[in-house]
Amino acid sequence: QWYTDVCKKAELIDYSSIKGMFIYRPYGYAIWENIQQELDRRFKE
């Protein structure tokens, strides 16, 4: 429950109307963008 609370209250993610499909909120998606950017740089290197 702590984990779910953090996901919701830190505004990382929200539930959609389809079970198992989630909405990445801007703050959560920005974390993914930073992961993506750094890994992409390493792959291209």
ModelCIF file with pLDDT and N, C-alpha, C, O atoms, coordinates in Angstrom:
data_MODEL
#
_entry.id   MODEL 
#
_entity.id                         1 
_entity.type                       polymer 
_entity.pdbx_number_of_molecules   1 
#
_entity_poly.entity_id                      1 
_entity_poly.type                           'polypeptide(L)' 
_entity_poly.nstd_linkage                   no 
_entity_poly.nstd_monomer                   no 
_entity_poly.pdbx_seq_one_letter_code       QWYTDVCKKAELIDYSSIKGMFIYRPYGYAIWENIQQELDRRFKE 
_entity_poly.pdbx_seq_one_letter_code_can   QWYTDVCKKAELIDYSSIKGMFIYRPYGYAIWENIQQELDRRFKE 
_entity_poly.pdbx_strand_id                 A 
#
loop_
_entity_poly_seq.entity_id 
_entity_poly_seq.num 
_entity_poly_seq.mon_id 
_entity_poly_seq.hetero 
1 1  GLN n 
1 2  TRP n 
1 3  TYR n 
1 4  THR n 
1 5  ASP n 
1 6  VAL n 
1 7  CYS n 
1 8  LYS n 
1 9  LYS n 
1 10 ALA n 
1 11 GLU n 
1 12 LEU n 
1 13 ILE n 
1 14 ASP n 
1 15 TYR n 
1 16 SER n 
1 17 SER n 
1 18 ILE n 
1 19 LYS n 
1 20 GLY n 
1 21 MET n 
1 22 PHE n 
1 23 ILE n 
1 24 TYR n 
1 25 ARG n 
1 26 PRO n 
1 27 TYR n 
1 28 GLY n 
1 29 TYR n 
1 30 ALA n 
1 31 ILE n 
1 32 TRP n 
1 33 GLU n 
1 34 ASN n 
1 35 ILE n 
1 36 GLN n 
1 37 GLN n 
1 38 GLU n 
1 39 LEU n 
1 40 ASP n 
1 41 ARG n 
1 42 ARG n 
1 43 PHE n 
1 44 LYS n 
1 45 GLU n 
#
_struct_asym.id          A 
_struct_asym.entity_id   1 
#
loop_
_ma_qa_metric.id 
_ma_qa_metric.mode 
_ma_qa_metric.name 
_ma_qa_metric.software_group_id 
_ma_qa_metric.type 
1 global pLDDT . pLDDT 
2 local  pLDDT . pLDDT 
#
_ma_qa_metric_global.metric_id      1 
_ma_qa_metric_global.metric_value   97.33 
_ma_qa_metric_global.model_id       1 
_ma_qa_metric_global.ordinal_id     1 
#
loop_
_ma_qa_metric_local.label_asym_id 
_ma_qa_metric_local.label_comp_id 
_ma_qa_metric_local.label_seq_id 
_ma_qa_metric_local.metric_id 
_ma_qa_metric_local.metric_value 
_ma_qa_metric_local.model_id 
_ma_qa_metric_local.ordinal_id 
A GLN 1  2 97.00 1 1  
A TRP 2  2 98.00 1 2  
A TYR 3  2 98.00 1 3  
A THR 4  2 97.00 1 4  
A ASP 5  2 97.00 1 5  
A VAL 6  2 98.00 1 6  
A CYS 7  2 98.00 1 7  
A LYS 8  2 97.00 1 8  
A LYS 9  2 97.00 1 9  
A ALA 10 2 97.00 1 10 
A GLU 11 2 97.00 1 11 
A LEU 12 2 98.00 1 12 
A ILE 13 2 97.00 1 13 
A ASP 14 2 97.00 1 14 
A TYR 15 2 96.00 1 15 
A SER 16 2 96.00 1 16 
A SER 17 2 96.00 1 17 
A ILE 18 2 95.00 1 18 
A LYS 19 2 94.00 1 19 
A GLY 20 2 93.00 1 20 
A MET 21 2 96.00 1 21 
A PHE 22 2 97.00 1 22 
A ILE 23 2 98.00 1 23 
A TYR 24 2 98.00 1 24 
A ARG 25 2 98.00 1 25 
A PRO 26 2 98.00 1 26 
A TYR 27 2 98.00 1 27 
A GLY 28 2 98.00 1 28 
A TYR 29 2 98.00 1 29 
A ALA 30 2 98.00 1 30 
A ILE 31 2 98.00 1 31 
A TRP 32 2 98.00 1 32 
A GLU 33 2 98.00 1 33 
A ASN 34 2 98.00 1 34 
A ILE 35 2 98.00 1 35 
A GLN 36 2 98.00 1 36 
A GLN 37 2 98.00 1 37 
A GLU 38 2 98.00 1 38 
A LEU 39 2 98.00 1 39 
A ASP 40 2 98.00 1 40 
A ARG 41 2 98.00 1 41 
A ARG 42 2 98.00 1 42 
A PHE 43 2 98.00 1 43 
A LYS 44 2 98.00 1 44 
A GLU 45 2 98.00 1 45 
#
loop_
_atom_site.group_PDB 
_atom_site.id 
_atom_site.type_symbol 
_atom_site.label_atom_id 
_atom_site.label_alt_id 
_atom_site.label_comp_id 
_atom_site.label_asym_id 
_atom_site.label_entity_id 
_atom_site.label_seq_id 
_atom_site.pdbx_PDB_ins_code 
_atom_site.Cartn_x 
_atom_site.Cartn_y 
_atom_site.Cartn_z 
_atom_site.occupancy 
_atom_site.B_iso_or_equiv 
_atom_site.pdbx_formal_charge 
_atom_site.auth_seq_id 
_atom_site.auth_comp_id 
_atom_site.auth_asym_id 
_atom_site.auth_atom_id 
_atom_site.pdbx_PDB_model_num 
ATOM 1   N N  . GLN A 1 1  ? 0.832   -1.206 0.000   1.00 97.00 ? 1  GLN A N  1 
ATOM 2   C CA . GLN A 1 1  ? 0.000   0.000  0.000   1.00 97.00 ? 1  GLN A CA 1 
ATOM 3   C C  . GLN A 1 1  ? 0.862   1.249  0.000   1.00 97.00 ? 1  GLN A C  1 
ATOM 4   O O  . GLN A 1 1  ? 0.527   2.241  -0.648  1.00 97.00 ? 1  GLN A O  1 
ATOM 5   N N  . TRP A 1 2  ? 1.983   1.203  0.733   1.00 98.00 ? 2  TRP A N  1 
ATOM 6   C CA . TRP A 1 2  ? 2.937   2.324  0.712   1.00 98.00 ? 2  TRP A CA 1 
ATOM 7   C C  . TRP A 1 2  ? 3.373   2.606  -0.720  1.00 98.00 ? 2  TRP A C  1 
ATOM 8   O O  . TRP A 1 2  ? 3.409   3.760  -1.147  1.00 98.00 ? 2  TRP A O  1 
ATOM 9   N N  . TYR A 1 3  ? 3.705   1.552  -1.459  1.00 98.00 ? 3  TYR A N  1 
ATOM 10  C CA . TYR A 1 3  ? 4.185   1.696  -2.833  1.00 98.00 ? 3  TYR A CA 1 
ATOM 11  C C  . TYR A 1 3  ? 3.112   2.361  -3.712  1.00 98.00 ? 3  TYR A C  1 
ATOM 12  O O  . TYR A 1 3  ? 3.398   3.299  -4.456  1.00 98.00 ? 3  TYR A O  1 
ATOM 13  N N  . THR A 1 4  ? 1.892   1.864  -3.612  1.00 97.00 ? 4  THR A N  1 
ATOM 14  C CA . THR A 1 4  ? 0.789   2.439  -4.399  1.00 97.00 ? 4  THR A CA 1 
ATOM 15  C C  . THR A 1 4  ? 0.550   3.892  -4.015  1.00 97.00 ? 4  THR A C  1 
ATOM 16  O O  . THR A 1 4  ? 0.322   4.738  -4.880  1.00 97.00 ? 4  THR A O  1 
ATOM 17  N N  . ASP A 1 5  ? 0.601   4.181  -2.725  1.00 97.00 ? 5  ASP A N  1 
ATOM 18  C CA . ASP A 1 5  ? 0.410   5.564  -2.262  1.00 97.00 ? 5  ASP A CA 1 
ATOM 19  C C  . ASP A 1 5  ? 1.459   6.491  -2.874  1.00 97.00 ? 5  ASP A C  1 
ATOM 20  O O  . ASP A 1 5  ? 1.129   7.583  -3.339  1.00 97.00 ? 5  ASP A O  1 
ATOM 21  N N  . VAL A 1 6  ? 2.717   6.060  -2.875  1.00 98.00 ? 6  VAL A N  1 
ATOM 22  C CA . VAL A 1 6  ? 3.786   6.890  -3.427  1.00 98.00 ? 6  VAL A CA 1 
ATOM 23  C C  . VAL A 1 6  ? 3.566   7.132  -4.916  1.00 98.00 ? 6  VAL A C  1 
ATOM 24  O O  . VAL A 1 6  ? 3.708   8.257  -5.396  1.00 98.00 ? 6  VAL A O  1 
ATOM 25  N N  . CYS A 1 7  ? 3.220   6.071  -5.644  1.00 98.00 ? 7  CYS A N  1 
ATOM 26  C CA . CYS A 1 7  ? 2.979   6.214  -7.094  1.00 98.00 ? 7  CYS A CA 1 
ATOM 27  C C  . CYS A 1 7  ? 1.905   7.256  -7.386  1.00 98.00 ? 7  CYS A C  1 
ATOM 28  O O  . CYS A 1 7  ? 2.025   8.054  -8.316  1.00 98.00 ? 7  CYS A O  1 
ATOM 29  N N  . LYS A 1 8  ? 0.858   7.228  -6.573  1.00 97.00 ? 8  LYS A N  1 
ATOM 30  C CA . LYS A 1 8  ? -0.265  8.148  -6.792  1.00 97.00 ? 8  LYS A CA 1 
ATOM 31  C C  . LYS A 1 8  ? 0.038   9.552  -6.262  1.00 97.00 ? 8  LYS A C  1 
ATOM 32  O O  . LYS A 1 8  ? -0.178  10.543 -6.960  1.00 97.00 ? 8  LYS A O  1 
ATOM 33  N N  . LYS A 1 9  ? 0.542   9.632  -5.022  1.00 97.00 ? 9  LYS A N  1 
ATOM 34  C CA . LYS A 1 9  ? 0.649   10.930 -4.359  1.00 97.00 ? 9  LYS A CA 1 
ATOM 35  C C  . LYS A 1 9  ? 1.885   11.720 -4.760  1.00 97.00 ? 9  LYS A C  1 
ATOM 36  O O  . LYS A 1 9  ? 1.940   12.935 -4.571  1.00 97.00 ? 9  LYS A O  1 
ATOM 37  N N  . ALA A 1 10 ? 2.876   11.029 -5.314  1.00 97.00 ? 10 ALA A N  1 
ATOM 38  C CA . ALA A 1 10 ? 4.011   11.748 -5.904  1.00 97.00 ? 10 ALA A CA 1 
ATOM 39  C C  . ALA A 1 10 ? 3.699   12.127 -7.356  1.00 97.00 ? 10 ALA A C  1 
ATOM 40  O O  . ALA A 1 10 ? 4.543   12.682 -8.061  1.00 97.00 ? 10 ALA A O  1 
ATOM 41  N N  . GLU A 1 11 ? 2.473   11.818 -7.786  1.00 97.00 ? 11 GLU A N  1 
ATOM 42  C CA . GLU A 1 11 ? 1.956   12.205 -9.097  1.00 97.00 ? 11 GLU A CA 1 
ATOM 43  C C  . GLU A 1 11 ? 2.783   11.592 -10.238 1.00 97.00 ? 11 GLU A C  1 
ATOM 44  O O  . GLU A 1 11 ? 3.133   12.262 -11.209 1.00 97.00 ? 11 GLU A O  1 
ATOM 45  N N  . LEU A 1 12 ? 3.079   10.299 -10.086 1.00 98.00 ? 12 LEU A N  1 
ATOM 46  C CA . LEU A 1 12 ? 3.835   9.577  -11.109 1.00 98.00 ? 12 LEU A CA 1 
ATOM 47  C C  . LEU A 1 12 ? 2.912   8.906  -12.115 1.00 98.00 ? 12 LEU A C  1 
ATOM 48  O O  . LEU A 1 12 ? 3.231   8.823  -13.301 1.00 98.00 ? 12 LEU A O  1 
ATOM 49  N N  . ILE A 1 13 ? 1.773   8.431  -11.642 1.00 97.00 ? 13 ILE A N  1 
ATOM 50  C CA . ILE A 1 13 ? 0.949   7.547  -12.474 1.00 97.00 ? 13 ILE A CA 1 
ATOM 51  C C  . ILE A 1 13 ? -0.510  7.658  -12.067 1.00 97.00 ? 13 ILE A C  1 
ATOM 52  O O  . ILE A 1 13 ? -0.820  8.056  -10.944 1.00 97.00 ? 13 ILE A O  1 
ATOM 53  N N  . ASP A 1 14 ? -1.399  7.308  -12.975 1.00 97.00 ? 14 ASP A N  1 
ATOM 54  C CA . ASP A 1 14 ? -2.825  7.250  -12.657 1.00 97.00 ? 14 ASP A CA 1 
ATOM 55  C C  . ASP A 1 14 ? -3.419  6.037  -13.359 1.00 97.00 ? 14 ASP A C  1 
ATOM 56  O O  . ASP A 1 14 ? -2.854  5.515  -14.320 1.00 97.00 ? 14 ASP A O  1 
ATOM 57  N N  . TYR A 1 15 ? -4.553  5.608  -12.867 1.00 96.00 ? 15 TYR A N  1 
ATOM 58  C CA . TYR A 1 15 ? -5.225  4.452  -13.453 1.00 96.00 ? 15 TYR A CA 1 
ATOM 59  C C  . TYR A 1 15 ? -6.101  4.896  -14.621 1.00 96.00 ? 15 TYR A C  1 
ATOM 60  O O  . TYR A 1 15 ? -6.668  5.988  -14.604 1.00 96.00 ? 15 TYR A O  1 
ATOM 61  N N  . SER A 1 16 ? -6.203  4.046  -15.626 1.00 96.00 ? 16 SER A N  1 
ATOM 62  C CA . SER A 1 16 ? -7.100  4.329  -16.752 1.00 96.00 ? 16 SER A CA 1 
ATOM 63  C C  . SER A 1 16 ? -8.354  3.472  -16.602 1.00 96.00 ? 16 SER A C  1 
ATOM 64  O O  . SER A 1 16 ? -8.489  2.728  -15.630 1.00 96.00 ? 16 SER A O  1 
ATOM 65  N N  . SER A 1 17 ? -9.260  3.575  -17.551 1.00 96.00 ? 17 SER A N  1 
ATOM 66  C CA . SER A 1 17 ? -10.504 2.802  -17.480 1.00 96.00 ? 17 SER A CA 1 
ATOM 67  C C  . SER A 1 17 ? -10.306 1.349  -17.895 1.00 96.00 ? 17 SER A C  1 
ATOM 68  O O  . SER A 1 17 ? -11.222 0.540  -17.752 1.00 96.00 ? 17 SER A O  1 
ATOM 69  N N  . ILE A 1 18 ? -9.112  1.001  -18.413 1.00 95.00 ? 18 ILE A N  1 
ATOM 70  C CA . ILE A 1 18 ? -8.830  -0.381 -18.801 1.00 95.00 ? 18 ILE A CA 1 
ATOM 71  C C  . ILE A 1 18 ? -7.894  -0.993 -17.765 1.00 95.00 ? 18 ILE A C  1 
ATOM 72  O O  . ILE A 1 18 ? -6.815  -0.460 -17.507 1.00 95.00 ? 18 ILE A O  1 
ATOM 73  N N  . LYS A 1 19 ? -8.295  -2.084 -17.186 1.00 94.00 ? 19 LYS A N  1 
ATOM 74  C CA . LYS A 1 19 ? -7.488  -2.731 -16.155 1.00 94.00 ? 19 LYS A CA 1 
ATOM 75  C C  . LYS A 1 19 ? -6.086  -3.048 -16.684 1.00 94.00 ? 19 LYS A C  1 
ATOM 76  O O  . LYS A 1 19 ? -5.929  -3.597 -17.774 1.00 94.00 ? 19 LYS A O  1 
ATOM 77  N N  . GLY A 1 20 ? -5.079  -2.691 -15.893 1.00 93.00 ? 20 GLY A N  1 
ATOM 78  C CA . GLY A 1 20 ? -3.703  -3.016 -16.261 1.00 93.00 ? 20 GLY A CA 1 
ATOM 79  C C  . GLY A 1 20 ? -3.056  -2.034 -17.222 1.00 93.00 ? 20 GLY A C  1 
ATOM 80  O O  . GLY A 1 20 ? -1.907  -2.222 -17.620 1.00 93.00 ? 20 GLY A O  1 
ATOM 81  N N  . MET A 1 21 ? -3.782  -0.990 -17.599 1.00 96.00 ? 21 MET A N  1 
ATOM 82  C CA . MET A 1 21 ? -3.213  0.035  -18.477 1.00 96.00 ? 21 MET A CA 1 
ATOM 83  C C  . MET A 1 21 ? -3.206  1.356  -17.716 1.00 96.00 ? 21 MET A C  1 
ATOM 84  O O  . MET A 1 21 ? -4.243  1.823  -17.246 1.00 96.00 ? 21 MET A O  1 
ATOM 85  N N  . PHE A 1 22 ? -2.040  1.940  -17.603 1.00 97.00 ? 22 PHE A N  1 
ATOM 86  C CA . PHE A 1 22 ? -1.849  3.094  -16.732 1.00 97.00 ? 22 PHE A CA 1 
ATOM 87  C C  . PHE A 1 22 ? -1.518  4.350  -17.530 1.00 97.00 ? 22 PHE A C  1 
ATOM 88  O O  . PHE A 1 22 ? -1.048  4.289  -18.666 1.00 97.00 ? 22 PHE A O  1 
ATOM 89  N N  . ILE A 1 23 ? -1.781  5.487  -16.896 1.00 98.00 ? 23 ILE A N  1 
ATOM 90  C CA . ILE A 1 23 ? -1.436  6.792  -17.463 1.00 98.00 ? 23 ILE A CA 1 
ATOM 91  C C  . ILE A 1 23 ? -0.146  7.264  -16.794 1.00 98.00 ? 23 ILE A C  1 
ATOM 92  O O  . ILE A 1 23 ? -0.097  7.413  -15.573 1.00 98.00 ? 23 ILE A O  1 
ATOM 93  N N  . TYR A 1 24 ? 0.887   7.495  -17.585 1.00 98.00 ? 24 TYR A N  1 
ATOM 94  C CA . TYR A 1 24 ? 2.118   8.066  -17.045 1.00 98.00 ? 24 TYR A CA 1 
ATOM 95  C C  . TYR A 1 24 ? 1.923   9.577  -16.933 1.00 98.00 ? 24 TYR A C  1 
ATOM 96  O O  . TYR A 1 24 ? 1.816   10.265 -17.948 1.00 98.00 ? 24 TYR A O  1 
ATOM 97  N N  . ARG A 1 25 ? 1.877   10.086 -15.723 1.00 98.00 ? 25 ARG A N  1 
ATOM 98  C CA . ARG A 1 25 ? 1.718   11.520 -15.535 1.00 98.00 ? 25 ARG A CA 1 
ATOM 99  C C  . ARG A 1 25 ? 3.038   12.226 -15.860 1.00 98.00 ? 25 ARG A C  1 
ATOM 100 O O  . ARG A 1 25 ? 4.081   11.575 -15.927 1.00 98.00 ? 25 ARG A O  1 
ATOM 101 N N  . PRO A 1 26 ? 3.008   13.554 -16.065 1.00 98.00 ? 26 PRO A N  1 
ATOM 102 C CA . PRO A 1 26 ? 4.232   14.247 -16.521 1.00 98.00 ? 26 PRO A CA 1 
ATOM 103 C C  . PRO A 1 26 ? 5.463   13.979 -15.673 1.00 98.00 ? 26 PRO A C  1 
ATOM 104 O O  . PRO A 1 26 ? 6.558   13.803 -16.208 1.00 98.00 ? 26 PRO A O  1 
ATOM 105 N N  . TYR A 1 27 ? 5.296   13.945 -14.346 1.00 98.00 ? 27 TYR A N  1 
ATOM 106 C CA . TYR A 1 27 ? 6.465   13.745 -13.473 1.00 98.00 ? 27 TYR A CA 1 
ATOM 107 C C  . TYR A 1 27 ? 7.037   12.330 -13.623 1.00 98.00 ? 27 TYR A C  1 
ATOM 108 O O  . TYR A 1 27 ? 8.252   12.136 -13.655 1.00 98.00 ? 27 TYR A O  1 
ATOM 109 N N  . GLY A 1 28 ? 6.126   11.341 -13.717 1.00 98.00 ? 28 GLY A N  1 
ATOM 110 C CA . GLY A 1 28 ? 6.567   9.964  -13.920 1.00 98.00 ? 28 GLY A CA 1 
ATOM 111 C C  . GLY A 1 28 ? 7.187   9.773  -15.292 1.00 98.00 ? 28 GLY A C  1 
ATOM 112 O O  . GLY A 1 28 ? 8.196   9.082  -15.432 1.00 98.00 ? 28 GLY A O  1 
ATOM 113 N N  . TYR A 1 29 ? 6.585   10.387 -16.306 1.00 98.00 ? 29 TYR A N  1 
ATOM 114 C CA . TYR A 1 29 ? 7.123   10.242 -17.668 1.00 98.00 ? 29 TYR A CA 1 
ATOM 115 C C  . TYR A 1 29 ? 8.470   10.952 -17.795 1.00 98.00 ? 29 TYR A C  1 
ATOM 116 O O  . TYR A 1 29 ? 9.335   10.510 -18.551 1.00 98.00 ? 29 TYR A O  1 
ATOM 117 N N  . ALA A 1 30 ? 8.653   12.055 -17.056 1.00 98.00 ? 30 ALA A N  1 
ATOM 118 C CA . ALA A 1 30 ? 9.928   12.776 -17.103 1.00 98.00 ? 30 ALA A CA 1 
ATOM 119 C C  . ALA A 1 30 ? 11.070  11.909 -16.557 1.00 98.00 ? 30 ALA A C  1 
ATOM 120 O O  . ALA A 1 30 ? 12.200  11.989 -17.039 1.00 98.00 ? 30 ALA A O  1 
ATOM 121 N N  . ILE A 1 31 ? 10.767  11.081 -15.550 1.00 98.00 ? 31 ILE A N  1 
ATOM 122 C CA . ILE A 1 31 ? 11.783  10.146 -15.048 1.00 98.00 ? 31 ILE A CA 1 
ATOM 123 C C  . ILE A 1 31 ? 12.157  9.160  -16.149 1.00 98.00 ? 31 ILE A C  1 
ATOM 124 O O  . ILE A 1 31 ? 13.336  8.877  -16.363 1.00 98.00 ? 31 ILE A O  1 
ATOM 125 N N  . TRP A 1 32 ? 11.150  8.638  -16.847 1.00 98.00 ? 32 TRP A N  1 
ATOM 126 C CA . TRP A 1 32 ? 11.410  7.715  -17.961 1.00 98.00 ? 32 TRP A CA 1 
ATOM 127 C C  . TRP A 1 32 ? 12.209  8.404  -19.068 1.00 98.00 ? 32 TRP A C  1 
ATOM 128 O O  . TRP A 1 32 ? 13.102  7.792  -19.654 1.00 98.00 ? 32 TRP A O  1 
ATOM 129 N N  . GLU A 1 33 ? 11.904  9.650  -19.356 1.00 98.00 ? 33 GLU A N  1 
ATOM 130 C CA . GLU A 1 33 ? 12.656  10.376 -20.387 1.00 98.00 ? 33 GLU A CA 1 
ATOM 131 C C  . GLU A 1 33 ? 14.133  10.484 -20.025 1.00 98.00 ? 33 GLU A C  1 
ATOM 132 O O  . GLU A 1 33 ? 15.000  10.362 -20.890 1.00 98.00 ? 33 GLU A O  1 
ATOM 133 N N  . ASN A 1 34 ? 14.417  10.714 -18.738 1.00 98.00 ? 34 ASN A N  1 
ATOM 134 C CA . ASN A 1 34 ? 15.819  10.804 -18.305 1.00 98.00 ? 34 ASN A CA 1 
ATOM 135 C C  . ASN A 1 34 ? 16.523  9.458  -18.399 1.00 98.00 ? 34 ASN A C  1 
ATOM 136 O O  . ASN A 1 34 ? 17.692  9.388  -18.778 1.00 98.00 ? 34 ASN A O  1 
ATOM 137 N N  . ILE A 1 35 ? 15.807  8.387  -18.050 1.00 98.00 ? 35 ILE A N  1 
ATOM 138 C CA . ILE A 1 35 ? 16.349  7.032  -18.221 1.00 98.00 ? 35 ILE A CA 1 
ATOM 139 C C  . ILE A 1 35 ? 16.634  6.779  -19.696 1.00 98.00 ? 35 ILE A C  1 
ATOM 140 O O  . ILE A 1 35 ? 17.713  6.319  -20.070 1.00 98.00 ? 35 ILE A O  1 
ATOM 141 N N  . GLN A 1 36 ? 15.643  7.091  -20.520 1.00 98.00 ? 36 GLN A N  1 
ATOM 142 C CA . GLN A 1 36 ? 15.745  6.862  -21.965 1.00 98.00 ? 36 GLN A CA 1 
ATOM 143 C C  . GLN A 1 36 ? 16.904  7.648  -22.583 1.00 98.00 ? 36 GLN A C  1 
ATOM 144 O O  . GLN A 1 36 ? 17.666  7.116  -23.391 1.00 98.00 ? 36 GLN A O  1 
ATOM 145 N N  . GLN A 1 37 ? 17.024  8.897  -22.199 1.00 98.00 ? 37 GLN A N  1 
ATOM 146 C CA . GLN A 1 37 ? 18.058  9.757  -22.772 1.00 98.00 ? 37 GLN A CA 1 
ATOM 147 C C  . GLN A 1 37 ? 19.460  9.231  -22.454 1.00 98.00 ? 37 GLN A C  1 
ATOM 148 O O  . GLN A 1 37 ? 20.328  9.193  -23.326 1.00 98.00 ? 37 GLN A O  1 
ATOM 149 N N  . GLU A 1 38 ? 19.674  8.825  -21.201 1.00 98.00 ? 38 GLU A N  1 
ATOM 150 C CA . GLU A 1 38 ? 20.999  8.350  -20.803 1.00 98.00 ? 38 GLU A CA 1 
ATOM 151 C C  . GLU A 1 38 ? 21.330  7.000  -21.435 1.00 98.00 ? 38 GLU A C  1 
ATOM 152 O O  . GLU A 1 38 ? 22.444  6.798  -21.919 1.00 98.00 ? 38 GLU A O  1 
ATOM 153 N N  . LEU A 1 39 ? 20.373  6.083  -21.433 1.00 98.00 ? 39 LEU A N  1 
ATOM 154 C CA . LEU A 1 39 ? 20.631  4.784  -22.047 1.00 98.00 ? 39 LEU A CA 1 
ATOM 155 C C  . LEU A 1 39 ? 20.832  4.921  -23.553 1.00 98.00 ? 39 LEU A C  1 
ATOM 156 O O  . LEU A 1 39 ? 21.703  4.271  -24.131 1.00 98.00 ? 39 LEU A O  1 
ATOM 157 N N  . ASP A 1 40 ? 20.031  5.763  -24.181 1.00 98.00 ? 40 ASP A N  1 
ATOM 158 C CA . ASP A 1 40 ? 20.148  5.969  -25.619 1.00 98.00 ? 40 ASP A CA 1 
ATOM 159 C C  . ASP A 1 40 ? 21.548  6.476  -25.980 1.00 98.00 ? 40 ASP A C  1 
ATOM 160 O O  . ASP A 1 40 ? 22.137  6.053  -26.975 1.00 98.00 ? 40 ASP A O  1 
ATOM 161 N N  . ARG A 1 41 ? 22.063  7.381  -25.161 1.00 98.00 ? 41 ARG A N  1 
ATOM 162 C CA . ARG A 1 41 ? 23.424  7.890  -25.377 1.00 98.00 ? 41 ARG A CA 1 
ATOM 163 C C  . ARG A 1 41 ? 24.436  6.757  -25.292 1.00 98.00 ? 41 ARG A C  1 
ATOM 164 O O  . ARG A 1 41 ? 25.347  6.670  -26.115 1.00 98.00 ? 41 ARG A O  1 
ATOM 165 N N  . ARG A 1 42 ? 24.278  5.893  -24.302 1.00 98.00 ? 42 ARG A N  1 
ATOM 166 C CA . ARG A 1 42 ? 25.207  4.780  -24.120 1.00 98.00 ? 42 ARG A CA 1 
ATOM 167 C C  . ARG A 1 42 ? 25.105  3.773  -25.270 1.00 98.00 ? 42 ARG A C  1 
ATOM 168 O O  . ARG A 1 42 ? 26.116  3.245  -25.734 1.00 98.00 ? 42 ARG A O  1 
ATOM 169 N N  . PHE A 1 43 ? 23.880  3.513  -25.722 1.00 98.00 ? 43 PHE A N  1 
ATOM 170 C CA . PHE A 1 43 ? 23.710  2.576  -26.846 1.00 98.00 ? 43 PHE A CA 1 
ATOM 171 C C  . PHE A 1 43 ? 24.406  3.111  -28.103 1.00 98.00 ? 43 PHE A C  1 
ATOM 172 O O  . PHE A 1 43 ? 25.098  2.377  -28.808 1.00 98.00 ? 43 PHE A O  1 
ATOM 173 N N  . LYS A 1 44 ? 24.207  4.392  -28.362 1.00 98.00 ? 44 LYS A N  1 
ATOM 174 C CA . LYS A 1 44 ? 24.793  4.972  -29.582 1.00 98.00 ? 44 LYS A CA 1 
ATOM 175 C C  . LYS A 1 44 ? 26.319  5.014  -29.510 1.00 98.00 ? 44 LYS A C  1 
ATOM 176 O O  . LYS A 1 44 ? 26.999  4.877  -30.527 1.00 98.00 ? 44 LYS A O  1 
ATOM 177 N N  . GLU A 1 45 ? 26.847  5.202  -28.308 1.00 98.00 ? 45 GLU A N  1 
ATOM 178 C CA . GLU A 1 45 ? 28.300  5.167  -28.132 1.00 98.00 ? 45 GLU A CA 1 
ATOM 179 C C  . GLU A 1 45 ? 28.884  3.806  -28.506 1.00 98.00 ? 45 GLU A C  1 
ATOM 180 O O  . GLU A 1 45 ? 30.095  3.608  -28.415 1.00 98.00 ? 45 GLU A O  1 
#
